[in-house]
Amino acid sequence: MRNDNKSISRREFAKKSASALAGIPLLHIDNSFFPSLATGEDELEINLFSKHLQFLDYNEMSAQAAEIGFNGLDVTVRSKGHVLPDNVTKDLPRVVEAMKKYGLKPQMMTTNVWDILQPNELNVLQTASQLGFTHYRTGWLSYPEEKTIDESMEEFADQAKKLADVNKQLRLVGCYQNHAGNHVGAPIWDLPPIFAKSDTNFLGCQYDIRHAIVEGGKSWELDLRRIRPFIKSLVIKDFKWGLKDGVWQPINTPLGEGMVDFVHYFSILKKYKIKVPMSLHLEYDLGGAEHGATTIKMDKKEVFAKMKKDLTFIKEAWKKAEY
């Protein structure tokens, strides 16, 4: 658990945050804001994970994302991200200004937000809401050894409800990513009980097909059925199993070169009428850009070409998918 002995107590901050939120009008939410089950046109809007452009400044990354053909950026607002949480009120408006200059709309961001009683985390959400963002990825959770998994899930469900309540007032949708490994949500069936106390219009899952297949093997379609009502955003990436340093492990690949059958996957999304914000991640070799490096060892034109190739693959696979 996080250290709560910050500059103010939890009780004191809870009072202050409640007062701050009381001044934010509760907006009417129409169906267009939550397109999870909307039909819409057969065209995708795809955001590029800004982690892969951290070798560029705000203006350059926006210009390049637009040039490649993306609709927006999934902006990293976290430690070592494009925007540091301590600087969010100053730097996130600069990002949005640069994005809009090149026709990109603010929609998605990636954060470490989960415990809404932390002052910085509430500030990140308030700032994003004012700037027009609608969806953000939350922080990840782990199961502490000193508690049973059931005890932890009950605690996480209480925290999720508090976060969803704030999201509702701020007109934001929080999205918890299923991530392979010893993370909460790696087994997809963890997540519905954690969301059980929340208004799931405002808190759900960022569904990551790569991690779902790593963990789910051949049963990933059942997992998708289970999490379907809670999917609020999507992450697109690919992998294959391989030997590295004598250990079998997932090896990240360009789209279409790994184990994800994207045409089949997209056909399922169409069947279930899941059309939510989408973020492209490129975690194979990009000269360090795959890890968010600020200085890369690959010609940036080659990096941009790989991004364009994956973007084109998504669009073509989506068109081929039938339902």
C-alpha atoms as a PDB file:
ATOM      1  CA  MET A   1       0.000   0.000   0.000  1.00  0.00           C
ATOM      2  CA  ARG A   2       1.117   3.582  -0.519  1.00  0.00           C
ATOM      3  CA  ASN A   3       2.547   5.758   2.222  1.00  0.00           C
ATOM      4  CA  ASP A   4      -0.297   8.034   3.327  1.00  0.00           C
ATOM      5  CA  ASN A   5       1.822  10.209   5.615  1.00  0.00           C
ATOM      6  CA  LYS A   6       2.008  13.040   3.117  1.00  0.00           C
ATOM      7  CA  SER A   7       1.748  16.742   3.918  1.00  0.00           C
ATOM      8  CA  ILE A   8      -1.892  16.325   4.908  1.00  0.00           C
ATOM      9  CA  SER A   9      -3.865  13.451   6.374  1.00  0.00           C
ATOM     10  CA  ARG A  10      -6.283  11.336   4.366  1.00  0.00           C
ATOM     11  CA  ARG A  11      -9.201  12.693   6.378  1.00  0.00           C
ATOM     12  CA  GLU A  12      -8.122  16.290   5.840  1.00  0.00           C
ATOM     13  CA  PHE A  13      -7.574  15.783   2.126  1.00  0.00           C
ATOM     14  CA  ALA A  14     -10.878  13.940   1.739  1.00  0.00           C
ATOM     15  CA  LYS A  15     -12.636  17.007   3.124  1.00  0.00           C
ATOM     16  CA  LYS A  16     -10.729  19.337   0.809  1.00  0.00           C
ATOM     17  CA  SER A  17     -11.269  17.207  -2.275  1.00  0.00           C
ATOM     18  CA  ALA A  18     -14.969  16.897  -1.520  1.00  0.00           C
ATOM     19  CA  SER A  19     -15.190  20.674  -1.292  1.00  0.00           C
ATOM     20  CA  ALA A  20     -13.337  21.081  -4.580  1.00  0.00           C
ATOM     21  CA  LEU A  21     -15.511  18.574  -6.369  1.00  0.00           C
ATOM     22  CA  ALA A  22     -18.664  20.121  -4.998  1.00  0.00           C
ATOM     23  CA  GLY A  23     -18.004  23.071  -7.249  1.00  0.00           C
ATOM     24  CA  ILE A  24     -17.916  20.939 -10.387  1.00  0.00           C
ATOM     25  CA  PRO A  25     -21.356  20.574 -11.987  1.00  0.00           C
ATOM     26  CA  LEU A  26     -22.599  17.051 -12.579  1.00  0.00           C
ATOM     27  CA  LEU A  27     -23.021  16.957 -16.336  1.00  0.00           C
ATOM     28  CA  HIS A  28     -25.606  15.053 -18.249  1.00  0.00           C
ATOM     29  CA  ILE A  29     -23.925  12.107 -19.964  1.00  0.00           C
ATOM     30  CA  ASP A  30     -25.294  11.069 -23.329  1.00  0.00           C
ATOM     31  CA  ASN A  31     -24.681   7.828 -25.184  1.00  0.00           C
ATOM     32  CA  SER A  32     -22.161   9.396 -27.545  1.00  0.00           C
ATOM     33  CA  PHE A  33     -19.783   9.897 -24.625  1.00  0.00           C
ATOM     34  CA  PHE A  34     -19.769   6.182 -23.832  1.00  0.00           C
ATOM     35  CA  PRO A  35     -19.624   4.413 -27.201  1.00  0.00           C
ATOM     36  CA  SER A  36     -18.906   0.935 -25.804  1.00  0.00           C
ATOM     37  CA  LEU A  37     -22.103  -0.480 -27.260  1.00  0.00           C
ATOM     38  CA  ALA A  38     -22.682   2.041 -30.024  1.00  0.00           C
ATOM     39  CA  THR A  39     -22.596   0.992 -33.661  1.00  0.00           C
ATOM     40  CA  GLY A  40     -21.311   4.050 -35.520  1.00  0.00           C
ATOM     41  CA  GLU A  41     -19.355   4.147 -38.749  1.00  0.00           C
ATOM     42  CA  ASP A  42     -16.947   1.402 -39.741  1.00  0.00           C
ATOM     43  CA  GLU A  43     -13.977   3.721 -39.321  1.00  0.00           C
ATOM     44  CA  LEU A  44     -11.527   3.640 -36.459  1.00  0.00           C
ATOM     45  CA  GLU A  45     -10.052   6.516 -34.519  1.00  0.00           C
ATOM     46  CA  ILE A  46      -6.626   5.438 -33.337  1.00  0.00           C
ATOM     47  CA  ASN A  47      -4.382   7.102 -30.788  1.00  0.00           C
ATOM     48  CA  LEU A  48      -0.626   6.587 -30.615  1.00  0.00           C
ATOM     49  CA  PHE A  49       0.862   5.858 -27.189  1.00  0.00           C
ATOM     50  CA  SER A  50       3.001   8.948 -26.610  1.00  0.00           C
ATOM     51  CA  LYS A  51       5.544   6.879 -24.673  1.00  0.00           C
ATOM     52  CA  HIS A  52       7.051   5.985 -28.056  1.00  0.00           C
ATOM     53  CA  LEU A  53       7.618   9.642 -28.973  1.00  0.00           C
ATOM     54  CA  GLN A  54       9.299  10.823 -25.786  1.00  0.00           C
ATOM     55  CA  PHE A  55      12.392  11.683 -27.816  1.00  0.00           C
ATOM     56  CA  LEU A  56      10.372  14.575 -29.290  1.00  0.00           C
ATOM     57  CA  ASP A  57       8.940  17.726 -27.735  1.00  0.00           C
ATOM     58  CA  TYR A  58       5.192  18.382 -27.587  1.00  0.00           C
ATOM     59  CA  ASN A  59       5.046  20.195 -30.907  1.00  0.00           C
ATOM     60  CA  GLU A  60       7.187  17.668 -32.792  1.00  0.00           C
ATOM     61  CA  MET A  61       5.369  14.630 -31.432  1.00  0.00           C
ATOM     62  CA  SER A  62       1.992  16.128 -32.372  1.00  0.00           C
ATOM     63  CA  ALA A  63       3.162  17.064 -35.855  1.00  0.00           C
ATOM     64  CA  GLN A  64       4.609  13.612 -36.446  1.00  0.00           C
ATOM     65  CA  ALA A  65       1.592  11.713 -35.097  1.00  0.00           C
ATOM     66  CA  ALA A  66      -0.662  13.715 -37.404  1.00  0.00           C
ATOM     67  CA  GLU A  67       1.670  13.193 -40.355  1.00  0.00           C
ATOM     68  CA  ILE A  68       1.643   9.414 -39.835  1.00  0.00           C
ATOM     69  CA  GLY A  69      -2.151   9.433 -39.754  1.00  0.00           C
ATOM     70  CA  PHE A  70      -3.164   9.065 -36.102  1.00  0.00           C
ATOM     71  CA  ASN A  71      -6.275  10.770 -34.760  1.00  0.00           C
ATOM     72  CA  GLY A  72      -4.764  11.553 -31.392  1.00  0.00           C
ATOM     73  CA  LEU A  73      -2.180  10.712 -28.755  1.00  0.00           C
ATOM     74  CA  ASP A  74      -2.536   8.565 -25.660  1.00  0.00           C
ATOM     75  CA  VAL A  75      -0.547  11.009 -23.529  1.00  0.00           C
ATOM     76  CA  THR A  76       1.667   9.708 -20.710  1.00  0.00           C
ATOM     77  CA  VAL A  77       0.898  11.734 -17.575  1.00  0.00           C
ATOM     78  CA  ARG A  78       2.994   9.920 -14.995  1.00  0.00           C
ATOM     79  CA  SER A  79       6.492   9.600 -13.606  1.00  0.00           C
ATOM     80  CA  LYS A  80       8.975   9.600 -16.523  1.00  0.00           C
ATOM     81  CA  GLY A  81       6.122  10.450 -18.898  1.00  0.00           C
ATOM     82  CA  HIS A  82       5.617  13.307 -21.330  1.00  0.00           C
ATOM     83  CA  VAL A  83       3.878  15.182 -18.519  1.00  0.00           C
ATOM     84  CA  LEU A  84       4.949  14.811 -14.909  1.00  0.00           C
ATOM     85  CA  PRO A  85       2.040  14.813 -12.425  1.00  0.00           C
ATOM     86  CA  ASP A  86       3.644  17.635 -10.411  1.00  0.00           C
ATOM     87  CA  ASN A  87       3.647  19.801 -13.554  1.00  0.00           C
ATOM     88  CA  VAL A  88       0.276  18.780 -14.981  1.00  0.00           C
ATOM     89  CA  THR A  89      -1.443  22.162 -14.696  1.00  0.00           C
ATOM     90  CA  LYS A  90       1.379  23.815 -16.627  1.00  0.00           C
ATOM     91  CA  ASP A  91       2.406  21.140 -19.142  1.00  0.00           C
ATOM     92  CA  LEU A  92      -0.786  19.272 -20.071  1.00  0.00           C
ATOM     93  CA  PRO A  93      -2.357  22.452 -21.562  1.00  0.00           C
ATOM     94  CA  ARG A  94       0.822  22.836 -23.650  1.00  0.00           C
ATOM     95  CA  VAL A  95       0.393  19.277 -24.952  1.00  0.00           C
ATOM     96  CA  VAL A  96      -3.253  19.903 -25.863  1.00  0.00           C
ATOM     97  CA  GLU A  97      -2.390  23.175 -27.584  1.00  0.00           C
ATOM     98  CA  ALA A  98       0.214  21.382 -29.726  1.00  0.00           C
ATOM     99  CA  MET A  99      -2.170  18.510 -30.506  1.00  0.00           C
ATOM    100  CA  LYS A 100      -4.992  20.800 -31.616  1.00  0.00           C
ATOM    101  CA  LYS A 101      -2.582  22.773 -33.777  1.00  0.00           C
ATOM    102  CA  TYR A 102      -2.147  19.630 -35.895  1.00  0.00           C
ATOM    103  CA  GLY A 103      -5.753  18.449 -35.799  1.00  0.00           C
ATOM    104  CA  LEU A 104      -5.355  15.875 -33.011  1.00  0.00           C
ATOM    105  CA  LYS A 105      -8.035  15.727 -30.343  1.00  0.00           C
ATOM    106  CA  PRO A 106      -7.356  15.102 -26.653  1.00  0.00           C
ATOM    107  CA  GLN A 107      -9.065  11.880 -25.674  1.00  0.00           C
ATOM    108  CA  MET A 108      -6.778   9.354 -23.955  1.00  0.00           C
ATOM    109  CA  MET A 109      -4.043   9.554 -21.373  1.00  0.00           C
ATOM    110  CA  THR A 110      -2.055   7.033 -19.343  1.00  0.00           C
ATOM    111  CA  THR A 111      -1.601   7.714 -15.620  1.00  0.00           C
ATOM    112  CA  ASN A 112      -0.727   6.116 -12.294  1.00  0.00           C
ATOM    113  CA  VAL A 113      -4.005   7.320 -10.778  1.00  0.00           C
ATOM    114  CA  TRP A 114      -5.868   4.943  -8.499  1.00  0.00           C
ATOM    115  CA  ASP A 115      -5.965   6.305  -4.943  1.00  0.00           C
ATOM    116  CA  ILE A 116      -8.031   9.435  -5.421  1.00  0.00           C
ATOM    117  CA  LEU A 117      -7.169  10.627  -1.895  1.00  0.00           C
ATOM    118  CA  GLN A 118      -3.698  11.526  -3.156  1.00  0.00           C
ATOM    119  CA  PRO A 119      -3.676  15.269  -3.991  1.00  0.00           C
ATOM    120  CA  ASN A 120      -1.586  14.923  -7.161  1.00  0.00           C
ATOM    121  CA  GLU A 121      -3.880  12.249  -8.558  1.00  0.00           C
ATOM    122  CA  LEU A 122      -7.023  14.326  -8.136  1.00  0.00           C
ATOM    123  CA  ASN A 123      -5.213  17.276  -9.720  1.00  0.00           C
ATOM    124  CA  VAL A 124      -4.287  15.168 -12.771  1.00  0.00           C
ATOM    125  CA  LEU A 125      -7.934  14.230 -13.317  1.00  0.00           C
ATOM    126  CA  GLN A 126      -9.308  17.723 -12.755  1.00  0.00           C
ATOM    127  CA  THR A 127      -6.825  19.191 -15.236  1.00  0.00           C
ATOM    128  CA  ALA A 128      -7.508  16.523 -17.857  1.00  0.00           C
ATOM    129  CA  SER A 129     -11.256  17.009 -17.527  1.00  0.00           C
ATOM    130  CA  GLN A 130     -10.969  20.763 -18.037  1.00  0.00           C
ATOM    131  CA  LEU A 131      -8.896  20.164 -21.201  1.00  0.00           C
ATOM    132  CA  GLY A 132     -11.418  17.799 -22.780  1.00  0.00           C
ATOM    133  CA  PHE A 133      -9.878  14.373 -22.171  1.00  0.00           C
ATOM    134  CA  THR A 134     -12.455  11.632 -21.737  1.00  0.00           C
ATOM    135  CA  HIS A 135     -10.545   8.386 -20.999  1.00  0.00           C
ATOM    136  CA  TYR A 136      -7.507   7.563 -18.909  1.00  0.00           C
ATOM    137  CA  ARG A 137      -5.650   4.451 -17.875  1.00  0.00           C
ATOM    138  CA  THR A 138      -5.376   3.984 -14.126  1.00  0.00           C
ATOM    139  CA  GLY A 139      -2.402   2.706 -12.177  1.00  0.00           C
ATOM    140  CA  TRP A 140      -1.841  -1.016 -11.657  1.00  0.00           C
ATOM    141  CA  LEU A 141      -2.505  -2.944  -8.462  1.00  0.00           C
ATOM    142  CA  SER A 142      -0.751  -5.892  -6.817  1.00  0.00           C
ATOM    143  CA  TYR A 143      -1.912  -8.394  -4.215  1.00  0.00           C
ATOM    144  CA  PRO A 144       0.040  -7.927  -0.944  1.00  0.00           C
ATOM    145  CA  GLU A 145       1.257 -11.127   0.675  1.00  0.00           C
ATOM    146  CA  GLU A 146      -0.004 -10.139   4.119  1.00  0.00           C
ATOM    147  CA  LYS A 147      -3.657 -10.239   2.978  1.00  0.00           C
ATOM    148  CA  THR A 148      -5.761 -12.853   1.288  1.00  0.00           C
ATOM    149  CA  ILE A 149      -6.711 -12.176  -2.311  1.00  0.00           C
ATOM    150  CA  ASP A 150     -10.369 -11.916  -1.296  1.00  0.00           C
ATOM    151  CA  GLU A 151      -9.542  -9.295   1.350  1.00  0.00           C
ATOM    152  CA  SER A 152      -7.532  -7.297  -1.184  1.00  0.00           C
ATOM    153  CA  MET A 153     -10.283  -7.458  -3.797  1.00  0.00           C
ATOM    154  CA  GLU A 154     -12.795  -6.088  -1.303  1.00  0.00           C
ATOM    155  CA  GLU A 155     -10.454  -3.208  -0.507  1.00  0.00           C
ATOM    156  CA  PHE A 156      -9.813  -2.534  -4.206  1.00  0.00           C
ATOM    157  CA  ALA A 157     -13.574  -2.517  -4.850  1.00  0.00           C
ATOM    158  CA  ASP A 158     -14.016   0.224  -2.237  1.00  0.00           C
ATOM    159  CA  GLN A 159     -11.205   2.262  -3.786  1.00  0.00           C
ATOM    160  CA  ALA A 160     -12.692   1.734  -7.256  1.00  0.00           C
ATOM    161  CA  LYS A 161     -16.046   3.106  -6.120  1.00  0.00           C
ATOM    162  CA  LYS A 162     -14.427   6.294  -4.787  1.00  0.00           C
ATOM    163  CA  LEU A 163     -12.547   6.712  -8.068  1.00  0.00           C
ATOM    164  CA  ALA A 164     -15.664   6.100 -10.174  1.00  0.00           C
ATOM    165  CA  ASP A 165     -17.602   8.682  -8.131  1.00  0.00           C
ATOM    166  CA  VAL A 166     -14.957  11.327  -8.855  1.00  0.00           C
ATOM    167  CA  ASN A 167     -14.833  10.294 -12.524  1.00  0.00           C
ATOM    168  CA  LYS A 168     -18.583  10.803 -12.742  1.00  0.00           C
ATOM    169  CA  GLN A 169     -18.323  14.376 -11.510  1.00  0.00           C
ATOM    170  CA  LEU A 170     -15.388  15.088 -13.819  1.00  0.00           C
ATOM    171  CA  ARG A 171     -16.941  13.431 -16.883  1.00  0.00           C
ATOM    172  CA  LEU A 172     -14.051  10.979 -17.193  1.00  0.00           C
ATOM    173  CA  VAL A 173     -13.809   7.238 -17.747  1.00  0.00           C
ATOM    174  CA  GLY A 174     -11.088   5.388 -15.853  1.00  0.00           C
ATOM    175  CA  CYS A 175      -9.733   2.248 -17.501  1.00  0.00           C
ATOM    176  CA  TYR A 176      -7.797  -0.468 -15.637  1.00  0.00           C
ATOM    177  CA  GLN A 177      -5.485  -2.396 -17.974  1.00  0.00           C
ATOM    178  CA  ASN A 178      -5.274  -6.185 -17.845  1.00  0.00           C
ATOM    179  CA  HIS A 179      -1.510  -6.759 -17.752  1.00  0.00           C
ATOM    180  CA  ALA A 180       0.202 -10.169 -17.783  1.00  0.00           C
ATOM    181  CA  GLY A 181       2.191 -11.208 -14.731  1.00  0.00           C
ATOM    182  CA  ASN A 182       1.546 -10.899 -11.010  1.00  0.00           C
ATOM    183  CA  HIS A 183      -0.776  -7.950 -11.421  1.00  0.00           C
ATOM    184  CA  VAL A 184      -4.372  -7.608 -10.320  1.00  0.00           C
ATOM    185  CA  GLY A 185      -6.415  -8.175 -13.468  1.00  0.00           C
ATOM    186  CA  ALA A 186      -3.901 -10.428 -15.234  1.00  0.00           C
ATOM    187  CA  PRO A 187      -6.576 -13.099 -14.761  1.00  0.00           C
ATOM    188  CA  ILE A 188      -9.445 -11.158 -16.360  1.00  0.00           C
ATOM    189  CA  TRP A 189     -11.954 -12.642 -13.935  1.00  0.00           C
ATOM    190  CA  ASP A 190     -10.382 -10.553 -11.139  1.00  0.00           C
ATOM    191  CA  LEU A 191     -11.855  -7.379 -12.527  1.00  0.00           C
ATOM    192  CA  PRO A 192     -15.676  -7.665 -12.491  1.00  0.00           C
ATOM    193  CA  PRO A 193     -15.784  -8.135  -8.680  1.00  0.00           C
ATOM    194  CA  ILE A 194     -13.516  -5.103  -8.264  1.00  0.00           C
ATOM    195  CA  PHE A 195     -15.885  -3.033 -10.416  1.00  0.00           C
ATOM    196  CA  ALA A 196     -18.973  -4.415  -8.670  1.00  0.00           C
ATOM    197  CA  LYS A 197     -19.559  -1.426  -6.363  1.00  0.00           C
ATOM    198  CA  SER A 198     -18.817   1.200  -9.021  1.00  0.00           C
ATOM    199  CA  ASP A 199     -20.847   2.995 -11.640  1.00  0.00           C
ATOM    200  CA  THR A 200     -19.187   1.254 -14.566  1.00  0.00           C
ATOM    201  CA  ASN A 201     -20.139   4.027 -16.957  1.00  0.00           C
ATOM    202  CA  PHE A 202     -17.166   5.773 -15.373  1.00  0.00           C
ATOM    203  CA  LEU A 203     -14.750   2.964 -14.519  1.00  0.00           C
ATOM    204  CA  GLY A 204     -13.952  -0.172 -16.472  1.00  0.00           C
ATOM    205  CA  CYS A 205     -11.258  -2.100 -18.287  1.00  0.00           C
ATOM    206  CA  GLN A 206      -8.632  -1.073 -20.796  1.00  0.00           C
ATOM    207  CA  TYR A 207      -8.612  -4.352 -22.670  1.00  0.00           C
ATOM    208  CA  ASP A 208      -5.182  -5.403 -23.924  1.00  0.00           C
ATOM    209  CA  ILE A 209      -5.392  -8.308 -26.373  1.00  0.00           C
ATOM    210  CA  ARG A 210      -1.658  -9.026 -26.210  1.00  0.00           C
ATOM    211  CA  HIS A 211      -1.709  -9.514 -22.432  1.00  0.00           C
ATOM    212  CA  ALA A 212      -5.042 -11.343 -22.600  1.00  0.00           C
ATOM    213  CA  ILE A 213      -3.596 -13.999 -24.926  1.00  0.00           C
ATOM    214  CA  VAL A 214      -0.363 -14.284 -22.914  1.00  0.00           C
ATOM    215  CA  GLU A 215      -2.439 -15.128 -19.836  1.00  0.00           C
ATOM    216  CA  GLY A 216      -5.465 -16.740 -21.462  1.00  0.00           C
ATOM    217  CA  GLY A 217      -3.867 -18.963 -24.094  1.00  0.00           C
ATOM    218  CA  LYS A 218      -6.720 -20.587 -25.964  1.00  0.00           C
ATOM    219  CA  SER A 219      -9.390 -19.428 -23.511  1.00  0.00           C
ATOM    220  CA  TRP A 220      -8.957 -15.706 -24.150  1.00  0.00           C
ATOM    221  CA  GLU A 221     -12.293 -15.523 -25.980  1.00  0.00           C
ATOM    222  CA  LEU A 222     -14.090 -16.605 -22.787  1.00  0.00           C
ATOM    223  CA  ASP A 223     -12.207 -13.921 -20.897  1.00  0.00           C
ATOM    224  CA  LEU A 224     -13.306 -11.376 -23.500  1.00  0.00           C
ATOM    225  CA  ARG A 225     -16.926 -12.459 -23.087  1.00  0.00           C
ATOM    226  CA  ARG A 226     -16.569 -12.042 -19.313  1.00  0.00           C
ATOM    227  CA  ILE A 227     -15.044  -8.576 -19.445  1.00  0.00           C
ATOM    228  CA  ARG A 228     -17.087  -7.364 -22.423  1.00  0.00           C
ATOM    229  CA  PRO A 229     -19.581  -5.207 -20.459  1.00  0.00           C
ATOM    230  CA  PHE A 230     -16.694  -3.393 -18.746  1.00  0.00           C
ATOM    231  CA  ILE A 231     -14.480  -2.585 -21.747  1.00  0.00           C
ATOM    232  CA  LYS A 232     -13.980   1.184 -22.033  1.00  0.00           C
ATOM    233  CA  SER A 233     -10.789   1.384 -24.111  1.00  0.00           C
ATOM    234  CA  LEU A 234      -8.470  -0.897 -26.097  1.00  0.00           C
ATOM    235  CA  VAL A 235      -4.716  -1.415 -26.426  1.00  0.00           C
ATOM    236  CA  ILE A 236      -3.391  -2.902 -29.656  1.00  0.00           C
ATOM    237  CA  LYS A 237      -0.089  -4.818 -29.797  1.00  0.00           C
ATOM    238  CA  ASP A 238       1.261  -8.260 -30.744  1.00  0.00           C
ATOM    239  CA  PHE A 239       3.688 -10.918 -29.469  1.00  0.00           C
ATOM    240  CA  LYS A 240       4.948 -14.458 -29.924  1.00  0.00           C
ATOM    241  CA  TRP A 241       6.478 -16.961 -27.544  1.00  0.00           C
ATOM    242  CA  GLY A 242      10.228 -17.413 -27.866  1.00  0.00           C
ATOM    243  CA  LEU A 243      13.423 -18.376 -26.065  1.00  0.00           C
ATOM    244  CA  LYS A 244      15.407 -15.500 -24.630  1.00  0.00           C
ATOM    245  CA  ASP A 245      18.433 -16.155 -22.432  1.00  0.00           C
ATOM    246  CA  GLY A 246      17.274 -19.773 -22.181  1.00  0.00           C
ATOM    247  CA  VAL A 247      13.814 -18.830 -20.856  1.00  0.00           C
ATOM    248  CA  TRP A 248      10.517 -19.102 -22.739  1.00  0.00           C
ATOM    249  CA  GLN A 249       8.815 -15.722 -22.648  1.00  0.00           C
ATOM    250  CA  PRO A 250       6.614 -13.381 -24.701  1.00  0.00           C
ATOM    251  CA  ILE A 251       8.563 -11.579 -27.430  1.00  0.00           C
ATOM    252  CA  ASN A 252       6.938  -8.386 -28.728  1.00  0.00           C
ATOM    253  CA  THR A 253       6.489  -8.139 -32.507  1.00  0.00           C
ATOM    254  CA  PRO A 254       5.072  -5.787 -35.132  1.00  0.00           C
ATOM    255  CA  LEU A 255       1.357  -6.299 -35.731  1.00  0.00           C
ATOM    256  CA  GLY A 256       0.598  -9.363 -37.830  1.00  0.00           C
ATOM    257  CA  GLU A 257       3.888 -11.102 -37.018  1.00  0.00           C
ATOM    258  CA  GLY A 258       2.794 -12.585 -33.725  1.00  0.00           C
ATOM    259  CA  MET A 259       0.097 -14.755 -32.188  1.00  0.00           C
ATOM    260  CA  VAL A 260      -2.832 -12.319 -32.254  1.00  0.00           C
ATOM    261  CA  ASP A 261      -5.277 -13.065 -35.070  1.00  0.00           C
ATOM    262  CA  PHE A 262      -6.425  -9.476 -35.468  1.00  0.00           C
ATOM    263  CA  VAL A 263      -9.028 -10.127 -38.156  1.00  0.00           C
ATOM    264  CA  HIS A 264     -10.717 -12.670 -35.879  1.00  0.00           C
ATOM    265  CA  TYR A 265     -10.319 -10.431 -32.839  1.00  0.00           C
ATOM    266  CA  PHE A 266     -11.785  -7.433 -34.639  1.00  0.00           C
ATOM    267  CA  SER A 267     -14.685  -9.547 -35.875  1.00  0.00           C
ATOM    268  CA  ILE A 268     -15.505 -10.326 -32.231  1.00  0.00           C
ATOM    269  CA  LEU A 269     -15.331  -6.647 -31.323  1.00  0.00           C
ATOM    270  CA  LYS A 270     -17.743  -5.897 -34.178  1.00  0.00           C
ATOM    271  CA  LYS A 271     -20.034  -8.736 -33.122  1.00  0.00           C
ATOM    272  CA  TYR A 272     -20.202  -7.345 -29.580  1.00  0.00           C
ATOM    273  CA  LYS A 273     -20.470  -3.753 -30.923  1.00  0.00           C
ATOM    274  CA  ILE A 274     -17.447  -2.689 -28.916  1.00  0.00           C
ATOM    275  CA  LYS A 275     -16.189   0.571 -30.334  1.00  0.00           C
ATOM    276  CA  VAL A 276     -14.162   2.495 -27.780  1.00  0.00           C
ATOM    277  CA  PRO A 277     -10.996   4.618 -27.821  1.00  0.00           C
ATOM    278  CA  MET A 278      -8.017   2.659 -29.123  1.00  0.00           C
ATOM    279  CA  SER A 279      -4.313   3.079 -28.362  1.00  0.00           C
ATOM    280  CA  LEU A 280      -1.509   1.595 -30.475  1.00  0.00           C
ATOM    281  CA  HIS A 281       1.546   0.402 -28.530  1.00  0.00           C
ATOM    282  CA  LEU A 282       4.807  -0.604 -30.248  1.00  0.00           C
ATOM    283  CA  GLU A 283       6.935  -2.555 -27.797  1.00  0.00           C
ATOM    284  CA  TYR A 284       9.346  -4.256 -30.202  1.00  0.00           C
ATOM    285  CA  ASP A 285      12.734  -2.783 -31.109  1.00  0.00           C
ATOM    286  CA  LEU A 286      12.480   0.923 -31.926  1.00  0.00           C
ATOM    287  CA  GLY A 287      15.957   1.864 -30.820  1.00  0.00           C
ATOM    288  CA  GLY A 288      14.736   2.611 -27.305  1.00  0.00           C
ATOM    289  CA  ALA A 289      11.528   4.413 -28.265  1.00  0.00           C
ATOM    290  CA  GLU A 290       9.627   1.256 -27.333  1.00  0.00           C
ATOM    291  CA  HIS A 291      10.666   1.902 -23.715  1.00  0.00           C
ATOM    292  CA  GLY A 292      10.048   5.644 -23.735  1.00  0.00           C
ATOM    293  CA  ALA A 293      13.683   6.679 -24.203  1.00  0.00           C
ATOM    294  CA  THR A 294      14.370  10.368 -24.623  1.00  0.00           C
ATOM    295  CA  THR A 295      17.348   9.590 -26.872  1.00  0.00           C
ATOM    296  CA  ILE A 296      17.028   6.770 -29.409  1.00  0.00           C
ATOM    297  CA  LYS A 297      19.528   4.620 -31.309  1.00  0.00           C
ATOM    298  CA  MET A 298      17.476   4.193 -34.481  1.00  0.00           C
ATOM    299  CA  ASP A 299      16.929   6.717 -37.268  1.00  0.00           C
ATOM    300  CA  LYS A 300      13.671   8.437 -36.364  1.00  0.00           C
ATOM    301  CA  LYS A 301      12.445   8.044 -39.945  1.00  0.00           C
ATOM    302  CA  GLU A 302      12.638   4.268 -39.473  1.00  0.00           C
ATOM    303  CA  VAL A 303      10.693   4.556 -36.219  1.00  0.00           C
ATOM    304  CA  PHE A 304       7.997   6.591 -37.963  1.00  0.00           C
ATOM    305  CA  ALA A 305       7.833   4.059 -40.814  1.00  0.00           C
ATOM    306  CA  LYS A 306       7.216   1.223 -38.343  1.00  0.00           C
ATOM    307  CA  MET A 307       4.442   3.225 -36.706  1.00  0.00           C
ATOM    308  CA  LYS A 308       2.855   3.879 -40.090  1.00  0.00           C
ATOM    309  CA  LYS A 309       3.075   0.173 -40.961  1.00  0.00           C
ATOM    310  CA  ASP A 310       1.297  -0.887 -37.772  1.00  0.00           C
ATOM    311  CA  LEU A 311      -1.351   1.799 -38.199  1.00  0.00           C
ATOM    312  CA  THR A 312      -2.037   0.658 -41.757  1.00  0.00           C
ATOM    313  CA  PHE A 313      -2.234  -2.955 -40.559  1.00  0.00           C
ATOM    314  CA  ILE A 314      -4.911  -2.076 -37.995  1.00  0.00           C
ATOM    315  CA  LYS A 315      -7.066  -0.290 -40.547  1.00  0.00           C
ATOM    316  CA  GLU A 316      -6.792  -3.094 -43.104  1.00  0.00           C
ATOM    317  CA  ALA A 317      -7.498  -5.829 -40.534  1.00  0.00           C
ATOM    318  CA  TRP A 318     -10.540  -3.895 -39.291  1.00  0.00           C
ATOM    319  CA  LYS A 319     -11.940  -3.670 -42.813  1.00  0.00           C
ATOM    320  CA  LYS A 320     -11.388  -7.415 -43.367  1.00  0.00           C
ATOM    321  CA  ALA A 321     -13.134  -8.365 -40.135  1.00  0.00           C
ATOM    322  CA  GLU A 322     -16.683  -9.596 -40.622  1.00  0.00           C
ATOM    323  CA  TYR A 323     -19.450 -10.240 -38.151  1.00  0.00           C
END
